[in-house]
Structure formats: C-alpha cells, structure tokens
N, C-alpha and C. Protein backbone atom coordinates (compact mmCIF):
# COMPACT_ATOMS: atom_id res chain seq x y z
N MET A 1 -3.78 -2.82 5.55
CA MET A 1 -4.16 -1.33 5.97
C MET A 1 -4.14 -0.23 3.92
N PRO A 2 -4.42 0.67 3.46
CA PRO A 2 -4.30 0.83 2.71
C PRO A 2 -3.51 1.15 2.28
N THR A 3 -3.01 1.85 3.83
CA THR A 3 -1.53 3.36 3.56
C THR A 3 -0.30 1.75 3.69
N THR A 4 -0.06 0.72 3.74
CA THR A 4 1.32 -0.43 3.67
C THR A 4 1.02 -0.62 2.64
N SER A 5 0.14 -0.98 0.99
CA SER A 5 -0.34 -1.15 0.38
C SER A 5 0.44 -0.40 -0.52
N ALA A 6 -0.02 0.25 -0.71
CA ALA A 6 0.32 1.72 -1.10
C ALA A 6 1.56 1.89 -1.11
N MET A 7 2.34 2.01 0.05
CA MET A 7 3.46 2.26 0.66
C MET A 7 4.56 1.05 -0.26
N ALA A 8 3.59 -0.27 -0.59
CA ALA A 8 4.65 -1.50 -0.94
C ALA A 8 4.59 -1.26 -2.44
N VAL A 9 3.55 -0.85 -3.44
CA VAL A 9 3.47 -0.80 -4.30
C VAL A 9 4.31 0.69 -5.03
N ALA A 10 4.60 2.37 -4.43
CA ALA A 10 5.89 3.01 -4.05
C ALA A 10 7.55 2.42 -3.92
N ASN A 11 7.37 1.62 -3.43
CA ASN A 11 8.76 0.58 -3.03
C ASN A 11 9.18 0.48 -4.35
N GLU A 12 7.94 -0.55 -5.28
CA GLU A 12 8.57 -1.63 -6.09
C GLU A 12 8.52 -0.97 -7.28
N THR A 13 7.76 0.54 -7.24
CA THR A 13 8.12 1.18 -8.85
C THR A 13 9.07 1.85 -8.33
N GLY A 14 9.68 2.06 -7.37
CA GLY A 14 11.30 2.69 -7.15
C GLY A 14 12.13 2.06 -7.64
N LYS A 15 12.56 1.07 -7.80
CA LYS A 15 13.06 -0.51 -7.35
C LYS A 15 13.03 -0.33 -9.12
N LYS A 16 11.79 -0.96 -9.62
CA LYS A 16 11.51 -0.49 -10.45
C LYS A 16 12.78 0.43 -12.08
N GLY A 17 12.38 2.18 -11.04
CA GLY A 17 13.34 2.87 -11.74
C GLY A 17 14.08 3.31 -12.00
N ALA A 18 14.83 2.51 -10.54
CA ALA A 18 16.44 2.32 -10.54
C ALA A 18 16.89 1.32 -11.15
N LYS A 19 16.63 0.44 -11.47
CA LYS A 19 17.15 -0.68 -12.40
C LYS A 19 17.20 -0.78 -13.96
N ILE A 20 15.64 0.71 -14.23
CA ILE A 20 15.58 1.03 -15.82
C ILE A 20 16.77 2.08 -15.62
N TYR A 21 17.08 2.99 -14.49
CA TYR A 21 18.37 4.06 -14.90
C TYR A 21 19.31 3.34 -14.18
N CYS A 22 19.51 2.39 -13.39
CA CYS A 22 20.94 2.17 -13.31
C CYS A 22 21.81 1.63 -14.53
N PHE A 23 20.51 0.79 -15.03
CA PHE A 23 21.00 -0.31 -16.34
C PHE A 23 21.31 0.29 -17.17
N MET A 24 20.54 0.95 -17.94
CA MET A 24 21.28 2.39 -19.29
C MET A 24 22.43 3.47 -18.61
N ARG A 25 22.70 3.19 -17.62
CA ARG A 25 23.52 4.76 -17.47
C ARG A 25 25.16 3.51 -17.51
N SER A 26 24.54 2.59 -16.38
CA SER A 26 25.90 1.49 -16.88
C SER A 26 25.96 1.11 -17.94
N ASN A 27 24.52 0.72 -19.42
CA ASN A 27 25.55 0.48 -20.38
C ASN A 27 25.90 1.92 -21.86
N GLY A 28 25.91 2.64 -21.19
CA GLY A 28 26.86 3.81 -21.73
C GLY A 28 25.29 5.26 -22.08
N ASN A 29 24.41 4.98 -21.56
CA ASN A 29 23.83 6.37 -21.92
C ASN A 29 23.83 7.37 -21.09
N ASN A 30 23.04 8.25 -21.20
CA ASN A 30 23.73 9.12 -20.97
C ASN A 30 22.16 10.39 -19.90
N HIS A 31 22.96 10.11 -18.89
CA HIS A 31 21.19 10.91 -17.59
C HIS A 31 20.05 10.95 -18.49
N GLU A 32 19.67 12.50 -19.43
CA GLU A 32 18.51 12.19 -20.01
C GLU A 32 17.96 11.43 -20.47
N VAL A 33 18.50 10.44 -21.48
CA VAL A 33 17.64 9.46 -22.05
C VAL A 33 17.27 8.42 -20.51
N SER A 34 18.30 7.66 -19.64
CA SER A 34 18.15 7.03 -18.79
C SER A 34 16.90 7.94 -17.81
N TRP A 35 17.34 8.61 -17.12
CA TRP A 35 16.23 9.88 -16.02
C TRP A 35 14.39 9.75 -17.37
N SER A 36 14.24 9.83 -18.38
CA SER A 36 13.40 9.61 -18.73
C SER A 36 12.89 8.49 -18.99
N ALA A 37 13.72 7.35 -19.70
CA ALA A 37 12.81 5.87 -19.35
C ALA A 37 12.60 5.62 -17.50
N ALA A 38 13.61 5.39 -16.87
CA ALA A 38 12.84 5.29 -15.35
C ALA A 38 11.64 6.54 -15.16
N TYR A 39 11.73 7.29 -15.26
CA TYR A 39 10.34 8.30 -15.08
C TYR A 39 9.12 7.70 -15.54
N ALA A 40 9.40 7.88 -16.95
CA ALA A 40 8.35 7.55 -17.35
C ALA A 40 7.56 5.81 -16.88
N VAL A 41 8.32 5.00 -16.07
CA VAL A 41 7.35 4.09 -16.05
C VAL A 41 6.92 4.57 -14.38
N ILE A 42 7.98 5.10 -14.08
CA ILE A 42 7.47 5.41 -11.75
C ILE A 42 6.31 6.29 -12.53
N LYS A 43 6.07 6.90 -13.12
CA LYS A 43 5.02 7.69 -13.35
C LYS A 43 3.16 7.00 -13.80
N ARG A 44 3.88 6.13 -14.94
CA ARG A 44 2.98 5.08 -15.32
C ARG A 44 2.54 3.88 -14.26
N GLN A 45 3.38 3.57 -13.36
CA GLN A 45 2.88 2.18 -12.89
C GLN A 45 3.00 3.01 -11.15
N GLY A 46 2.79 4.12 -10.75
CA GLY A 46 2.73 4.38 -9.34
C GLY A 46 1.90 4.00 -8.43
N GLY A 47 0.63 3.84 -9.04
CA GLY A 47 -0.29 2.99 -8.00
C GLY A 47 -1.18 4.28 -7.01
N SER A 48 -0.72 5.15 -7.61
CA SER A 48 -0.92 6.48 -6.61
C SER A 48 -2.60 7.56 -7.36
N LEU A 49 -2.95 8.61 -6.70
CA LEU A 49 -4.23 8.87 -7.43
C LEU A 49 -2.83 10.43 -8.20
N PHE A 50 -1.98 10.60 -7.74
CA PHE A 50 -1.92 11.23 -8.40
C PHE A 50 -0.46 10.69 -8.87
N LYS A 51 0.62 11.91 -9.80
CA LYS A 51 1.73 10.77 -10.95
C LYS A 51 2.59 11.69 -10.01
N SER A 52 3.69 10.84 -9.76
CA SER A 52 5.59 11.27 -8.68
C SER A 52 5.29 11.82 -9.48
N SER A 53 6.57 13.02 -8.38
CA SER A 53 6.81 14.64 -8.86
C SER A 53 8.24 14.30 -10.11
N PRO A 54 9.00 14.68 -9.64
CA PRO A 54 10.55 14.30 -10.49
C PRO A 54 11.10 14.21 -9.53
N GLU A 55 10.96 15.82 -8.76
CA GLU A 55 11.55 15.44 -7.75
C GLU A 55 11.55 13.98 -6.41
N HIS A 56 10.02 13.85 -5.83
CA HIS A 56 10.23 12.85 -5.91
C HIS A 56 10.55 11.25 -6.04
N ALA A 57 10.75 11.60 -7.55
CA ALA A 57 10.47 9.95 -8.42
C ALA A 57 12.80 9.80 -8.20
N SER A 58 13.28 11.21 -7.59
CA SER A 58 14.74 11.33 -8.19
C SER A 58 14.66 10.14 -6.54
N VAL A 59 13.75 10.80 -5.51
CA VAL A 59 14.52 10.72 -3.97
C VAL A 59 13.72 8.74 -4.48
N MET A 60 12.82 8.30 -5.04
CA MET A 60 12.77 6.22 -4.91
C MET A 60 13.60 6.25 -5.62
N ILE A 61 14.19 6.38 -6.20
CA ILE A 61 15.17 6.20 -7.49
C ILE A 61 16.65 6.24 -6.30
N THR A 62 17.27 6.90 -5.50
CA THR A 62 18.21 7.51 -4.66
C THR A 62 17.38 5.98 -3.55
N GLU A 63 15.91 5.86 -2.96
CA GLU A 63 16.48 5.25 -1.70
C GLU A 63 16.43 3.50 -2.09
N ALA A 64 15.97 2.89 -3.14
CA ALA A 64 15.98 1.42 -3.91
C ALA A 64 17.40 1.27 -3.65
N VAL A 65 18.32 2.20 -4.34
CA VAL A 65 19.92 1.51 -4.69
C VAL A 65 20.61 1.75 -3.46
N VAL A 66 20.60 2.96 -2.61
CA VAL A 66 20.83 2.87 -1.11
C VAL A 66 20.43 1.99 -0.55
N GLU A 67 19.41 1.55 -0.54
CA GLU A 67 18.57 0.12 0.40
C GLU A 67 19.33 -1.05 0.03
N GLU A 68 19.83 -1.42 -1.19
CA GLU A 68 19.60 -2.08 -2.21
C GLU A 68 21.25 -2.06 -3.11
N PRO A 69 22.34 -1.44 -2.67
CA PRO A 69 24.01 -1.36 -3.06
C PRO A 69 23.98 -2.02 -3.98
N ASN A 70 24.54 -3.83 -3.46
CA ASN A 70 24.17 -5.08 -4.26
C ASN A 70 24.10 -5.29 -5.47
N GLY A 71 22.50 -4.51 -5.60
CA GLY A 71 21.07 -5.24 -6.33
C GLY A 71 21.28 -4.08 -8.19
N TYR A 72 21.95 -2.51 -7.41
CA TYR A 72 22.15 -1.79 -8.82
C TYR A 72 23.91 -1.22 -9.04
N PRO A 73 24.99 -2.47 -9.22
CA PRO A 73 26.46 -2.17 -9.00
C PRO A 73 26.80 -0.56 -9.46
N ASN A 74 28.02 -0.10 -9.02
CA ASN A 74 28.23 1.33 -9.66
C ASN A 74 26.89 2.11 -10.05
N CYS A 75 26.03 2.13 -9.84
CA CYS A 75 24.65 2.88 -10.20
C CYS A 75 25.20 3.95 -8.79
N GLY A 76 25.41 4.51 -7.87
CA GLY A 76 25.55 5.18 -6.89
C GLY A 76 26.11 6.72 -7.58
N GLN A 77 27.55 6.55 -8.40
CA GLN A 77 28.32 6.91 -8.97
C GLN A 77 27.02 8.51 -10.16
N TYR A 78 25.83 7.74 -10.24
CA TYR A 78 25.22 8.26 -11.47
C TYR A 78 23.78 8.98 -10.26
N LEU A 79 23.93 8.78 -9.04
CA LEU A 79 22.72 9.81 -8.58
C LEU A 79 22.80 11.00 -8.34
N GLY A 80 23.87 11.31 -8.26
CA GLY A 80 24.42 13.18 -8.38
C GLY A 80 22.94 13.24 -9.07
N ASP A 81 23.03 12.56 -10.35
CA ASP A 81 22.61 13.27 -11.88
C ASP A 81 21.50 13.59 -11.58
N LEU A 82 20.47 13.08 -10.50
CA LEU A 82 18.85 13.30 -10.69
C LEU A 82 18.93 14.26 -9.74
N PHE A 83 19.96 14.83 -9.38
CA PHE A 83 19.59 16.49 -8.69
C PHE A 83 20.67 17.43 -9.40
N LYS A 84 20.47 17.61 -10.42
CA LYS A 84 21.56 18.48 -10.44
C LYS A 84 20.45 19.18 -10.83
N GLU A 85 19.38 19.19 -11.58
CA GLU A 85 18.88 20.58 -12.43
C GLU A 85 18.17 20.50 -10.82
N SER A 86 17.33 20.49 -9.85
CA SER A 86 17.42 20.82 -8.56
C SER A 86 18.08 22.32 -7.58
N VAL A 87 19.10 21.63 -8.16
CA VAL A 87 20.64 22.30 -7.11
C VAL A 87 20.51 23.59 -8.19
N ASN A 88 19.80 23.59 -9.62
CA ASN A 88 20.34 24.89 -10.96
C ASN A 88 19.33 25.73 -10.07
N ALA A 89 18.23 25.11 -10.61
CA ALA A 89 16.82 25.67 -9.75
C ALA A 89 17.42 27.01 -8.75
N THR A 90 17.85 26.09 -7.30
CA THR A 90 17.63 26.65 -6.62
C THR A 90 18.97 27.60 -6.50
N ASP A 91 20.23 26.92 -6.54
CA ASP A 91 21.01 28.33 -6.53
C ASP A 91 20.26 29.20 -7.66
N GLU A 92 19.66 29.25 -8.61
CA GLU A 92 19.15 30.36 -9.92
C GLU A 92 17.86 31.46 -8.48
N GLU A 93 17.57 31.06 -8.03
CA GLU A 93 16.62 31.47 -7.54
C GLU A 93 17.19 32.68 -6.08
N THR A 94 18.16 31.75 -5.58
CA THR A 94 18.94 32.45 -5.14
C THR A 94 19.68 33.39 -5.21
N SER A 95 20.69 33.19 -6.08
CA SER A 95 21.06 34.07 -6.83
C SER A 95 19.77 35.88 -7.41
N SER A 96 18.97 35.32 -8.29
CA SER A 96 18.26 36.41 -8.35
C SER A 96 17.43 36.93 -7.31
N ASN A 97 16.95 36.04 -6.16
CA ASN A 97 16.79 37.25 -5.22
C ASN A 97 17.56 37.78 -4.05
N SER A 98 19.04 37.36 -4.76
CA SER A 98 20.33 38.03 -3.82
C SER A 98 20.16 39.95 -4.21
N TYR A 99 20.43 41.28 -3.56
CA TYR A 99 20.98 41.76 -3.50
C TYR A 99 21.79 42.61 -3.46
N THR A 100 21.99 43.46 -5.17
CA THR A 100 23.88 43.60 -4.62
C THR A 100 24.07 44.89 -4.49
N SER A 101 24.90 45.87 -4.56
CA SER A 101 24.92 47.45 -4.15
C SER A 101 24.53 48.01 -5.15
N SER A 102 24.32 47.87 -6.78
CA SER A 102 23.71 48.72 -7.24
C SER A 102 22.20 48.88 -7.46
N ASP A 103 21.44 47.17 -7.47
CA ASP A 103 20.02 47.28 -7.34
C ASP A 103 19.87 48.08 -5.85
N THR A 104 20.28 48.03 -4.74
CA THR A 104 19.57 49.15 -3.61
C THR A 104 20.23 50.72 -3.80
N SER A 105 20.67 50.69 -5.13
CA SER A 105 20.77 52.31 -5.22
C SER A 105 20.04 52.45 -6.46
N ASN A 106 19.08 51.80 -6.37
CA ASN A 106 17.92 52.05 -7.82
C ASN A 106 16.54 52.10 -6.73
N THR A 107 17.06 51.48 -5.53
CA THR A 107 14.98 51.44 -4.47
C THR A 107 15.72 52.19 -4.02
N VAL A 108 16.69 52.92 -3.44
CA VAL A 108 16.71 54.15 -2.45
C VAL A 108 16.58 55.29 -2.82
N PRO A 109 14.88 55.98 -2.48
CA PRO A 109 14.35 56.91 -3.56
C PRO A 109 15.58 58.87 -3.13
N SER A 110 16.21 59.55 -3.69
CA SER A 110 16.55 60.74 -3.15
C SER A 110 15.96 61.30 -2.58
N SER A 111 16.59 62.38 -1.91
CA SER A 111 16.15 63.77 -1.79
C SER A 111 14.72 64.45 -2.41
N ASN A 112 15.78 64.22 -3.91
CA ASN A 112 14.96 65.04 -5.38
C ASN A 112 13.97 64.85 -5.54
N ASP A 113 14.00 63.42 -5.51
CA ASP A 113 12.60 62.17 -5.84
C ASP A 113 11.62 62.66 -5.31
N SER A 114 11.39 63.46 -3.78
CA SER A 114 10.35 63.27 -2.57
C SER A 114 10.24 64.95 -3.28
N GLU A 115 10.71 65.62 -3.62
CA GLU A 115 10.36 66.78 -3.51
C GLU A 115 10.24 67.37 -5.57
N GLN A 116 10.46 65.86 -6.90
CA GLN A 116 9.07 66.44 -7.46
C GLN A 116 8.52 65.75 -7.73
N ARG A 117 8.23 64.48 -6.32
CA ARG A 117 7.14 63.48 -6.90
C ARG A 117 6.22 64.99 -6.30
N TYR A 118 6.25 65.49 -5.72
CA TYR A 118 4.91 66.02 -5.21
C TYR A 118 4.85 67.76 -6.04
N GLU A 119 5.82 67.70 -6.74
CA GLU A 119 5.44 69.27 -7.22
C GLU A 119 4.55 68.62 -8.53
N TYR A 120 3.76 70.18 -8.89
CA TYR A 120 2.93 70.43 -9.52
C TYR A 120 2.98 71.93 -10.59
C-alpha cells in the first residue's frame, strides 16, 4: 500500500527531525537554530510531493518525542517552543478582529451623517 509507506517515511522523517531538534537544544542551542536545522531535514527528506509546513513539522517532532520519550531525554521541556509562533499569531489575529467600544462608535452612523449624505 502506498499510504503505509508514505506514513512510514513521514514517521521516520519526524524522528530524524526530533533527534536533531532535541540534540541541539540539549546541547545549548536556542530554539531558532535548532528548529531551522530540524525543519530543513524534514522538508528535504519528507518523501511527499509537497513540503511539510512548519506546523506539520512541529507536530511530527512532537509525536516522535511523545511516542518515545526515553529516546529523547529531557526534550519534552522544549516542545512548547515549537508552537509559540502559531499561538502568538492566533492571539494577534483574535485581538485584531475584536471590537472595542471606540471601534463601534466610529462605525455606527449618526443621524447627522444620513442627513448630510443626501444633502446636495
């Protein structure tokens, strides 16, 4: 079955990414450097027609660590860093879509506006 082999390749790629990410973090590298190295491997060795997104690569690394925590000692403490950007983007999106009382006062037309609109 092609899906099984594709899943096996994705699983193996996630393990490689996790190994790189966790090794680098446990040896003092920061998140950005470790993430760049791990994501580069995941993108290049993914075995799929399409490149893995950063979100998918983060999930692949997380799944590999959670499935074999003894294979990646002390790496669990770093997994949250893989998702900080997506949480921050969601927070920014939510705050930009929320309205405050000053926003609604600017969008509600007053009676003077409607009278002036049709005044020639």
